[in-house]
């Protein structure tokens, strides 16, 4: 198994590592390293996606604007709206 020397991402083969590097790993490597490795980097991204989806779901269900989000404890009214109006 091959491992990126900077961020420690694990690859099944040198060929896989080279393909990943050529497809953009070079640009993401420092971000992955700062996040604590590939697993933590991708877990944090998925967590943000899930939180954003929950907020959008509440808005779509007509949760009152003065309600408090049970995830982040922020008022729904103070949350930024996307260009889609959610």
PDB file of N, CA and C in Angstrom:
ATOM      1  N   UNK A   1       0.843  -1.173   0.000  1.00  0.00           N
ATOM      2  CA  UNK A   1       0.000   0.000   0.000  1.00  0.00           C
ATOM      3  C   UNK A   1       0.893   1.243   0.000  1.00  0.00           C
ATOM      4  N   UNK A   2       0.450   2.222  -0.746  1.00  0.00           N
ATOM      5  CA  UNK A   2       1.172   3.492  -0.825  1.00  0.00           C
ATOM      6  C   UNK A   2       0.438   4.523   0.014  1.00  0.00           C
ATOM      7  N   UNK A   3       1.200   5.491   0.527  1.00  0.00           N
ATOM      8  CA  UNK A   3       0.626   6.530   1.363  1.00  0.00           C
ATOM      9  C   UNK A   3       1.218   7.872   0.936  1.00  0.00           C
ATOM     10  N   UNK A   4       0.374   8.894   0.858  1.00  0.00           N
ATOM     11  CA  UNK A   4       0.850  10.242   0.567  1.00  0.00           C
ATOM     12  C   UNK A   4       1.745  10.676   1.738  1.00  0.00           C
ATOM     13  N   UNK A   5       2.919  11.165   1.431  1.00  0.00           N
ATOM     14  CA  UNK A   5       3.853  11.525   2.497  1.00  0.00           C
ATOM     15  C   UNK A   5       3.395  12.750   3.285  1.00  0.00           C
ATOM     16  N   UNK A   6       2.588  13.611   2.690  1.00  0.00           N
ATOM     17  CA  UNK A   6       2.143  14.816   3.395  1.00  0.00           C
ATOM     18  C   UNK A   6       0.882  14.561   4.211  1.00  0.00           C
ATOM     19  N   UNK A   7      -0.195  14.114   3.571  1.00  0.00           N
ATOM     20  CA  UNK A   7      -1.487  14.022   4.266  1.00  0.00           C
ATOM     21  C   UNK A   7      -1.825  12.612   4.738  1.00  0.00           C
ATOM     22  N   UNK A   8      -1.023  11.654   4.365  1.00  0.00           N
ATOM     23  CA  UNK A   8      -1.170  10.253   4.793  1.00  0.00           C
ATOM     24  C   UNK A   8      -2.369   9.531   4.181  1.00  0.00           C
ATOM     25  N   UNK A   9      -2.917  10.060   3.077  1.00  0.00           N
ATOM     26  CA  UNK A   9      -3.975   9.348   2.362  1.00  0.00           C
ATOM     27  C   UNK A   9      -3.404   8.019   1.868  1.00  0.00           C
ATOM     28  N   UNK A  10      -4.133   6.928   2.056  1.00  0.00           N
ATOM     29  CA  UNK A  10      -3.662   5.595   1.706  1.00  0.00           C
ATOM     30  C   UNK A  10      -4.223   5.187   0.346  1.00  0.00           C
ATOM     31  N   UNK A  11      -3.365   4.613  -0.475  1.00  0.00           N
ATOM     32  CA  UNK A  11      -3.737   4.146  -1.813  1.00  0.00           C
ATOM     33  C   UNK A  11      -3.463   2.657  -1.945  1.00  0.00           C
ATOM     34  N   UNK A  12      -4.232   2.006  -2.808  1.00  0.00           N
ATOM     35  CA  UNK A  12      -4.074   0.561  -2.994  1.00  0.00           C
ATOM     36  C   UNK A  12      -2.851   0.208  -3.825  1.00  0.00           C
ATOM     37  N   UNK A  13      -2.369   1.167  -4.620  1.00  0.00           N
ATOM     38  CA  UNK A  13      -1.216   0.894  -5.486  1.00  0.00           C
ATOM     39  C   UNK A  13      -0.550   2.204  -5.897  1.00  0.00           C
ATOM     40  N   UNK A  14       0.694   2.122  -6.366  1.00  0.00           N
ATOM     41  CA  UNK A  14       1.351   3.328  -6.875  1.00  0.00           C
ATOM     42  C   UNK A  14       0.594   3.930  -8.064  1.00  0.00           C
ATOM     43  N   UNK A  15      -0.007   3.084  -8.883  1.00  0.00           N
ATOM     44  CA  UNK A  15      -0.781   3.556 -10.029  1.00  0.00           C
ATOM     45  C   UNK A  15      -1.980   4.394  -9.561  1.00  0.00           C
ATOM     46  N   UNK A  16      -2.686   3.917  -8.545  1.00  0.00           N
ATOM     47  CA  UNK A  16      -3.836   4.632  -7.994  1.00  0.00           C
ATOM     48  C   UNK A  16      -3.395   5.979  -7.416  1.00  0.00           C
ATOM     49  N   UNK A  17      -2.264   5.981  -6.710  1.00  0.00           N
ATOM     50  CA  UNK A  17      -1.748   7.215  -6.130  1.00  0.00           C
ATOM     51  C   UNK A  17      -1.418   8.221  -7.228  1.00  0.00           C
ATOM     52  N   UNK A  18      -0.781   7.777  -8.293  1.00  0.00           N
ATOM     53  CA  UNK A  18      -0.415   8.673  -9.391  1.00  0.00           C
ATOM     54  C   UNK A  18      -1.660   9.234 -10.082  1.00  0.00           C
ATOM     55  N   UNK A  19      -2.656   8.392 -10.307  1.00  0.00           N
ATOM     56  CA  UNK A  19      -3.899   8.865 -10.923  1.00  0.00           C
ATOM     57  C   UNK A  19      -4.578   9.921 -10.053  1.00  0.00           C
ATOM     58  N   UNK A  20      -4.627   9.690  -8.756  1.00  0.00           N
ATOM     59  CA  UNK A  20      -5.261  10.630  -7.836  1.00  0.00           C
ATOM     60  C   UNK A  20      -4.493  11.950  -7.799  1.00  0.00           C
ATOM     61  N   UNK A  21      -3.186  11.881  -7.806  1.00  0.00           N
ATOM     62  CA  UNK A  21      -2.356  13.091  -7.817  1.00  0.00           C
ATOM     63  C   UNK A  21      -2.644  13.896  -9.073  1.00  0.00           C
ATOM     64  N   UNK A  22      -2.696  13.222 -10.215  1.00  0.00           N
ATOM     65  CA  UNK A  22      -2.947  13.900 -11.494  1.00  0.00           C
ATOM     66  C   UNK A  22      -4.358  14.458 -11.601  1.00  0.00           C
ATOM     67  N   UNK A  23      -5.309  13.888 -10.856  1.00  0.00           N
ATOM     68  CA  UNK A  23      -6.690  14.355 -10.948  1.00  0.00           C
ATOM     69  C   UNK A  23      -7.035  15.415  -9.895  1.00  0.00           C
ATOM     70  N   UNK A  24      -6.035  15.927  -9.182  1.00  0.00           N
ATOM     71  CA  UNK A  24      -6.314  17.044  -8.300  1.00  0.00           C
ATOM     72  C   UNK A  24      -5.874  16.909  -6.859  1.00  0.00           C
ATOM     73  N   UNK A  25      -5.298  15.786  -6.478  1.00  0.00           N
ATOM     74  CA  UNK A  25      -4.880  15.609  -5.086  1.00  0.00           C
ATOM     75  C   UNK A  25      -3.861  16.680  -4.678  1.00  0.00           C
ATOM     76  N   UNK A  26      -3.034  17.071  -5.604  1.00  0.00           N
ATOM     77  CA  UNK A  26      -2.006  18.073  -5.303  1.00  0.00           C
ATOM     78  C   UNK A  26      -2.632  19.347  -4.729  1.00  0.00           C
ATOM     79  N   UNK A  27      -3.774  19.755  -5.269  1.00  0.00           N
ATOM     80  CA  UNK A  27      -4.451  20.969  -4.813  1.00  0.00           C
ATOM     81  C   UNK A  27      -5.114  20.787  -3.452  1.00  0.00           C
ATOM     82  N   UNK A  28      -5.538  19.575  -3.123  1.00  0.00           N
ATOM     83  CA  UNK A  28      -6.275  19.308  -1.887  1.00  0.00           C
ATOM     84  C   UNK A  28      -5.387  18.819  -0.745  1.00  0.00           C
ATOM     85  N   UNK A  29      -4.171  18.419  -1.040  1.00  0.00           N
ATOM     86  CA  UNK A  29      -3.320  17.745  -0.067  1.00  0.00           C
ATOM     87  C   UNK A  29      -3.122  18.557   1.218  1.00  0.00           C
ATOM     88  N   UNK A  30      -2.808  19.826   1.114  1.00  0.00           N
ATOM     89  CA  UNK A  30      -2.576  20.645   2.319  1.00  0.00           C
ATOM     90  C   UNK A  30      -3.848  20.788   3.144  1.00  0.00           C
ATOM     91  N   UNK A  31      -5.006  20.937   2.479  1.00  0.00           N
ATOM     92  CA  UNK A  31      -6.276  21.035   3.199  1.00  0.00           C
ATOM     93  C   UNK A  31      -6.563  19.739   3.950  1.00  0.00           C
ATOM     94  N   UNK A  32      -6.298  18.607   3.295  1.00  0.00           N
ATOM     95  CA  UNK A  32      -6.522  17.307   3.921  1.00  0.00           C
ATOM     96  C   UNK A  32      -5.603  17.153   5.134  1.00  0.00           C
ATOM     97  N   UNK A  33      -4.340  17.560   4.978  1.00  0.00           N
ATOM     98  CA  UNK A  33      -3.387  17.472   6.086  1.00  0.00           C
ATOM     99  C   UNK A  33      -3.839  18.327   7.268  1.00  0.00           C
ATOM    100  N   UNK A  34      -4.248  19.578   7.000  1.00  0.00           N
ATOM    101  CA  UNK A  34      -4.687  20.480   8.065  1.00  0.00           C
ATOM    102  C   UNK A  34      -5.932  19.965   8.787  1.00  0.00           C
ATOM    103  N   UNK A  35      -6.784  19.229   8.060  1.00  0.00           N
ATOM    104  CA  UNK A  35      -8.020  18.708   8.651  1.00  0.00           C
ATOM    105  C   UNK A  35      -7.775  17.464   9.499  1.00  0.00           C
ATOM    106  N   UNK A  36      -6.577  16.915   9.446  1.00  0.00           N
ATOM    107  CA  UNK A  36      -6.271  15.736  10.255  1.00  0.00           C
ATOM    108  C   UNK A  36      -6.261  14.449   9.474  1.00  0.00           C
ATOM    109  N   UNK A  37      -6.187  14.528   8.169  1.00  0.00           N
ATOM    110  CA  UNK A  37      -6.153  13.330   7.332  1.00  0.00           C
ATOM    111  C   UNK A  37      -7.401  13.218   6.481  1.00  0.00           C
ATOM    112  N   UNK A  38      -7.350  12.296   5.539  1.00  0.00           N
ATOM    113  CA  UNK A  38      -8.431  12.141   4.560  1.00  0.00           C
ATOM    114  C   UNK A  38      -9.759  11.783   5.223  1.00  0.00           C
ATOM    115  N   UNK A  39      -9.727  10.880   6.186  1.00  0.00           N
ATOM    116  CA  UNK A  39     -10.974  10.449   6.826  1.00  0.00           C
ATOM    117  C   UNK A  39     -11.658  11.627   7.534  1.00  0.00           C
ATOM    118  N   UNK A  40     -10.897  12.386   8.303  1.00  0.00           N
ATOM    119  CA  UNK A  40     -11.460  13.529   9.023  1.00  0.00           C
ATOM    120  C   UNK A  40     -11.913  14.619   8.064  1.00  0.00           C
ATOM    121  N   UNK A  41     -11.134  14.863   7.014  1.00  0.00           N
ATOM    122  CA  UNK A  41     -11.470  15.884   6.013  1.00  0.00           C
ATOM    123  C   UNK A  41     -12.827  15.586   5.388  1.00  0.00           C
ATOM    124  N   UNK A  42     -13.028  14.349   4.961  1.00  0.00           N
ATOM    125  CA  UNK A  42     -14.283  13.987   4.303  1.00  0.00           C
ATOM    126  C   UNK A  42     -15.438  13.883   5.304  1.00  0.00           C
ATOM    127  N   UNK A  43     -15.169  13.481   6.538  1.00  0.00           N
ATOM    128  CA  UNK A  43     -16.219  13.433   7.562  1.00  0.00           C
ATOM    129  C   UNK A  43     -16.733  14.835   7.868  1.00  0.00           C
ATOM    130  N   UNK A  44     -15.826  15.803   7.947  1.00  0.00           N
ATOM    131  CA  UNK A  44     -16.237  17.185   8.218  1.00  0.00           C
ATOM    132  C   UNK A  44     -17.098  17.727   7.079  1.00  0.00           C
ATOM    133  N   UNK A  45     -16.737  17.393   5.844  1.00  0.00           N
ATOM    134  CA  UNK A  45     -17.521  17.850   4.693  1.00  0.00           C
ATOM    135  C   UNK A  45     -18.922  17.233   4.720  1.00  0.00           C
ATOM    136  N   UNK A  46     -19.011  15.942   5.032  1.00  0.00           N
ATOM    137  CA  UNK A  46     -20.310  15.272   5.104  1.00  0.00           C
ATOM    138  C   UNK A  46     -21.159  15.832   6.241  1.00  0.00           C
ATOM    139  N   UNK A  47     -20.530  16.177   7.350  1.00  0.00           N
ATOM    140  CA  UNK A  47     -21.255  16.750   8.478  1.00  0.00           C
ATOM    141  C   UNK A  47     -21.881  18.087   8.094  1.00  0.00           C
ATOM    142  N   UNK A  48     -21.126  18.920   7.395  1.00  0.00           N
ATOM    143  CA  UNK A  48     -21.648  20.212   6.956  1.00  0.00           C
ATOM    144  C   UNK A  48     -22.799  20.018   5.977  1.00  0.00           C
ATOM    145  N   UNK A  49     -22.662  19.062   5.054  1.00  0.00           N
ATOM    146  CA  UNK A  49     -23.740  18.777   4.098  1.00  0.00           C
ATOM    147  C   UNK A  49     -25.008  18.360   4.841  1.00  0.00           C
ATOM    148  N   UNK A  50     -24.876  17.500   5.845  1.00  0.00           N
ATOM    149  CA  UNK A  50     -26.033  17.022   6.600  1.00  0.00           C
ATOM    150  C   UNK A  50     -26.693  18.163   7.367  1.00  0.00           C
ATOM    151  N   UNK A  51     -25.897  19.031   7.950  1.00  0.00           N
ATOM    152  CA  UNK A  51     -26.434  20.171   8.680  1.00  0.00           C
ATOM    153  C   UNK A  51     -27.182  21.116   7.738  1.00  0.00           C
ATOM    154  N   UNK A  52     -26.594  21.399   6.589  1.00  0.00           N
ATOM    155  CA  UNK A  52     -27.244  22.262   5.600  1.00  0.00           C
ATOM    156  C   UNK A  52     -28.562  21.653   5.115  1.00  0.00           C
ATOM    157  N   UNK A  53     -28.581  20.336   4.926  1.00  0.00           N
ATOM    158  CA  UNK A  53     -29.799  19.662   4.485  1.00  0.00           C
ATOM    159  C   UNK A  53     -30.889  19.744   5.552  1.00  0.00           C
ATOM    160  N   UNK A  54     -30.499  19.626   6.824  1.00  0.00           N
ATOM    161  CA  UNK A  54     -31.475  19.717   7.907  1.00  0.00           C
ATOM    162  C   UNK A  54     -32.088  21.107   7.970  1.00  0.00           C
ATOM    163  N   UNK A  55     -31.267  22.126   7.817  1.00  0.00           N
ATOM    164  CA  UNK A  55     -31.769  23.502   7.833  1.00  0.00           C
ATOM    165  C   UNK A  55     -32.722  23.722   6.657  1.00  0.00           C
ATOM    166  N   UNK A  56     -32.354  23.231   5.482  1.00  0.00           N
ATOM    167  CA  UNK A  56     -33.213  23.374   4.303  1.00  0.00           C
ATOM    168  C   UNK A  56     -34.530  22.632   4.499  1.00  0.00           C
ATOM    169  N   UNK A  57     -34.472  21.465   5.117  1.00  0.00           N
ATOM    170  CA  UNK A  57     -35.684  20.689   5.368  1.00  0.00           C
ATOM    171  C   UNK A  57     -36.632  21.432   6.308  1.00  0.00           C
ATOM    172  N   UNK A  58     -36.082  22.027   7.341  1.00  0.00           N
ATOM    173  CA  UNK A  58     -36.918  22.803   8.270  1.00  0.00           C
ATOM    174  C   UNK A  58     -37.581  23.971   7.547  1.00  0.00           C
ATOM    175  N   UNK A  59     -36.818  24.654   6.722  1.00  0.00           N
ATOM    176  CA  UNK A  59     -37.364  25.788   5.976  1.00  0.00           C
ATOM    177  C   UNK A  59     -38.472  25.320   5.030  1.00  0.00           C
ATOM    178  N   UNK A  60     -38.272  24.186   4.377  1.00  0.00           N
ATOM    179  CA  UNK A  60     -39.265  23.654   3.441  1.00  0.00           C
ATOM    180  C   UNK A  60     -40.541  23.208   4.152  1.00  0.00           C
ATOM    181  N   UNK A  61     -40.415  22.773   5.404  1.00  0.00           N
ATOM    182  CA  UNK A  61     -41.572  22.312   6.180  1.00  0.00           C
ATOM    183  C   UNK A  61     -42.316  23.456   6.845  1.00  0.00           C
ATOM    184  N   UNK A  62     -41.834  24.675   6.655  1.00  0.00           N
ATOM    185  CA  UNK A  62     -42.519  25.830   7.208  1.00  0.00           C
ATOM    186  C   UNK A  62     -42.284  26.061   8.682  1.00  0.00           C
ATOM    187  N   UNK A  63     -41.127  25.672   9.162  1.00  0.00           N
ATOM    188  CA  UNK A  63     -40.793  25.926  10.560  1.00  0.00           C
ATOM    189  C   UNK A  63     -40.832  27.432  10.780  1.00  0.00           C
ATOM    190  N   UNK A  64     -41.465  27.892  11.850  1.00  0.00           N
ATOM    191  CA  UNK A  64     -41.568  29.335  12.096  1.00  0.00           C
ATOM    192  C   UNK A  64     -40.197  30.025  12.067  1.00  0.00           C
ATOM    193  N   UNK A  65     -40.174  31.232  11.543  1.00  0.00           N
ATOM    194  CA  UNK A  65     -38.924  31.963  11.384  1.00  0.00           C
ATOM    195  C   UNK A  65     -38.242  32.284  12.711  1.00  0.00           C
ATOM    196  N   UNK A  66     -38.984  32.334  13.812  1.00  0.00           N
ATOM    197  CA  UNK A  66     -38.357  32.627  15.097  1.00  0.00           C
ATOM    198  C   UNK A  66     -37.955  31.353  15.851  1.00  0.00           C
ATOM    199  N   UNK A  67     -38.091  30.197  15.204  1.00  0.00           N
ATOM    200  CA  UNK A  67     -37.728  28.928  15.832  1.00  0.00           C
ATOM    201  C   UNK A  67     -36.211  28.815  15.950  1.00  0.00           C
ATOM    202  N   UNK A  68     -35.799  27.977  16.879  1.00  0.00           N
ATOM    203  CA  UNK A  68     -34.373  27.751  17.082  1.00  0.00           C
ATOM    204  C   UNK A  68     -34.011  26.389  16.511  1.00  0.00           C
ATOM    205  N   UNK A  69     -32.912  26.323  15.757  1.00  0.00           N
ATOM    206  CA  UNK A  69     -32.445  25.068  15.167  1.00  0.00           C
ATOM    207  C   UNK A  69     -31.965  24.139  16.282  1.00  0.00           C
ATOM    208  N   UNK A  70     -32.433  22.903  16.291  1.00  0.00           N
ATOM    209  CA  UNK A  70     -32.025  21.986  17.345  1.00  0.00           C
ATOM    210  C   UNK A  70     -30.602  21.489  17.151  1.00  0.00           C
ATOM    211  N   UNK A  71     -30.022  21.687  15.971  1.00  0.00           N
ATOM    212  CA  UNK A  71     -28.649  21.245  15.712  1.00  0.00           C
ATOM    213  C   UNK A  71     -27.648  22.298  16.184  1.00  0.00           C
ATOM    214  N   UNK A  72     -27.800  23.518  15.714  1.00  0.00           N
ATOM    215  CA  UNK A  72     -26.791  24.539  16.010  1.00  0.00           C
ATOM    216  C   UNK A  72     -27.273  25.600  16.995  1.00  0.00           C
ATOM    217  N   UNK A  73     -28.537  25.514  17.413  1.00  0.00           N
ATOM    218  CA  UNK A  73     -29.125  26.461  18.365  1.00  0.00           C
ATOM    219  C   UNK A  73     -29.155  27.898  17.841  1.00  0.00           C
ATOM    220  N   UNK A  74     -29.150  28.051  16.522  1.00  0.00           N
ATOM    221  CA  UNK A  74     -29.233  29.360  15.896  1.00  0.00           C
ATOM    222  C   UNK A  74     -30.667  29.612  15.471  1.00  0.00           C
ATOM    223  N   UNK A  75     -31.101  30.825  15.576  1.00  0.00           N
ATOM    224  CA  UNK A  75     -32.438  31.180  15.134  1.00  0.00           C
ATOM    225  C   UNK A  75     -32.535  30.979  13.627  1.00  0.00           C
ATOM    226  N   UNK A  76     -33.595  30.322  13.177  1.00  0.00           N
ATOM    227  CA  UNK A  76     -33.812  30.098  11.748  1.00  0.00           C
ATOM    228  C   UNK A  76     -33.797  31.440  11.017  1.00  0.00           C
ATOM    229  N   UNK A  77     -34.311  32.474  11.662  1.00  0.00           N
ATOM    230  CA  UNK A  77     -34.407  33.801  11.068  1.00  0.00           C
ATOM    231  C   UNK A  77     -33.034  34.399  10.749  1.00  0.00           C
ATOM    232  N   UNK A  78     -32.003  34.047  11.509  1.00  0.00           N
ATOM    233  CA  UNK A  78     -30.681  34.645  11.315  1.00  0.00           C
ATOM    234  C   UNK A  78     -29.800  33.833  10.378  1.00  0.00           C
ATOM    235  N   UNK A  79     -30.289  32.698   9.883  1.00  0.00           N
ATOM    236  CA  UNK A  79     -29.476  31.869   8.992  1.00  0.00           C
ATOM    237  C   UNK A  79     -29.403  32.465   7.607  1.00  0.00           C
ATOM    238  N   UNK A  80     -28.220  32.424   6.991  1.00  0.00           N
ATOM    239  CA  UNK A  80     -28.098  32.973   5.639  1.00  0.00           C
ATOM    240  C   UNK A  80     -28.921  32.173   4.648  1.00  0.00           C
ATOM    241  N   UNK A  81     -29.482  32.830   3.683  1.00  0.00           N
ATOM    242  CA  UNK A  81     -30.286  32.170   2.662  1.00  0.00           C
ATOM    243  C   UNK A  81     -29.451  32.005   1.400  1.00  0.00           C
ATOM    244  N   UNK A  82     -29.626  30.899   0.717  1.00  0.00           N
ATOM    245  CA  UNK A  82     -28.891  30.668  -0.523  1.00  0.00           C
ATOM    246  C   UNK A  82     -29.605  31.373  -1.665  1.00  0.00           C
ATOM    247  N   UNK A  83     -29.010  31.327  -2.838  1.00  0.00           N
ATOM    248  CA  UNK A  83     -29.613  31.957  -4.003  1.00  0.00           C
ATOM    249  C   UNK A  83     -30.890  31.244  -4.425  1.00  0.00           C
ATOM    250  N   UNK A  84     -31.114  30.009  -3.930  1.00  0.00           N
ATOM    251  CA  UNK A  84     -32.330  29.269  -4.242  1.00  0.00           C
ATOM    252  C   UNK A  84     -33.476  29.690  -3.336  1.00  0.00           C
ATOM    253  N   UNK A  85     -33.208  30.544  -2.372  1.00  0.00           N
ATOM    254  CA  UNK A  85     -34.254  31.013  -1.476  1.00  0.00           C
ATOM    255  C   UNK A  85     -34.485  30.130  -0.280  1.00  0.00           C
ATOM    256  N   UNK A  86     -33.605  29.204  -0.026  1.00  0.00           N
ATOM    257  CA  UNK A  86     -33.736  28.305   1.122  1.00  0.00           C
ATOM    258  C   UNK A  86     -32.976  28.874   2.289  1.00  0.00           C
TER     259      UNK A  86
END
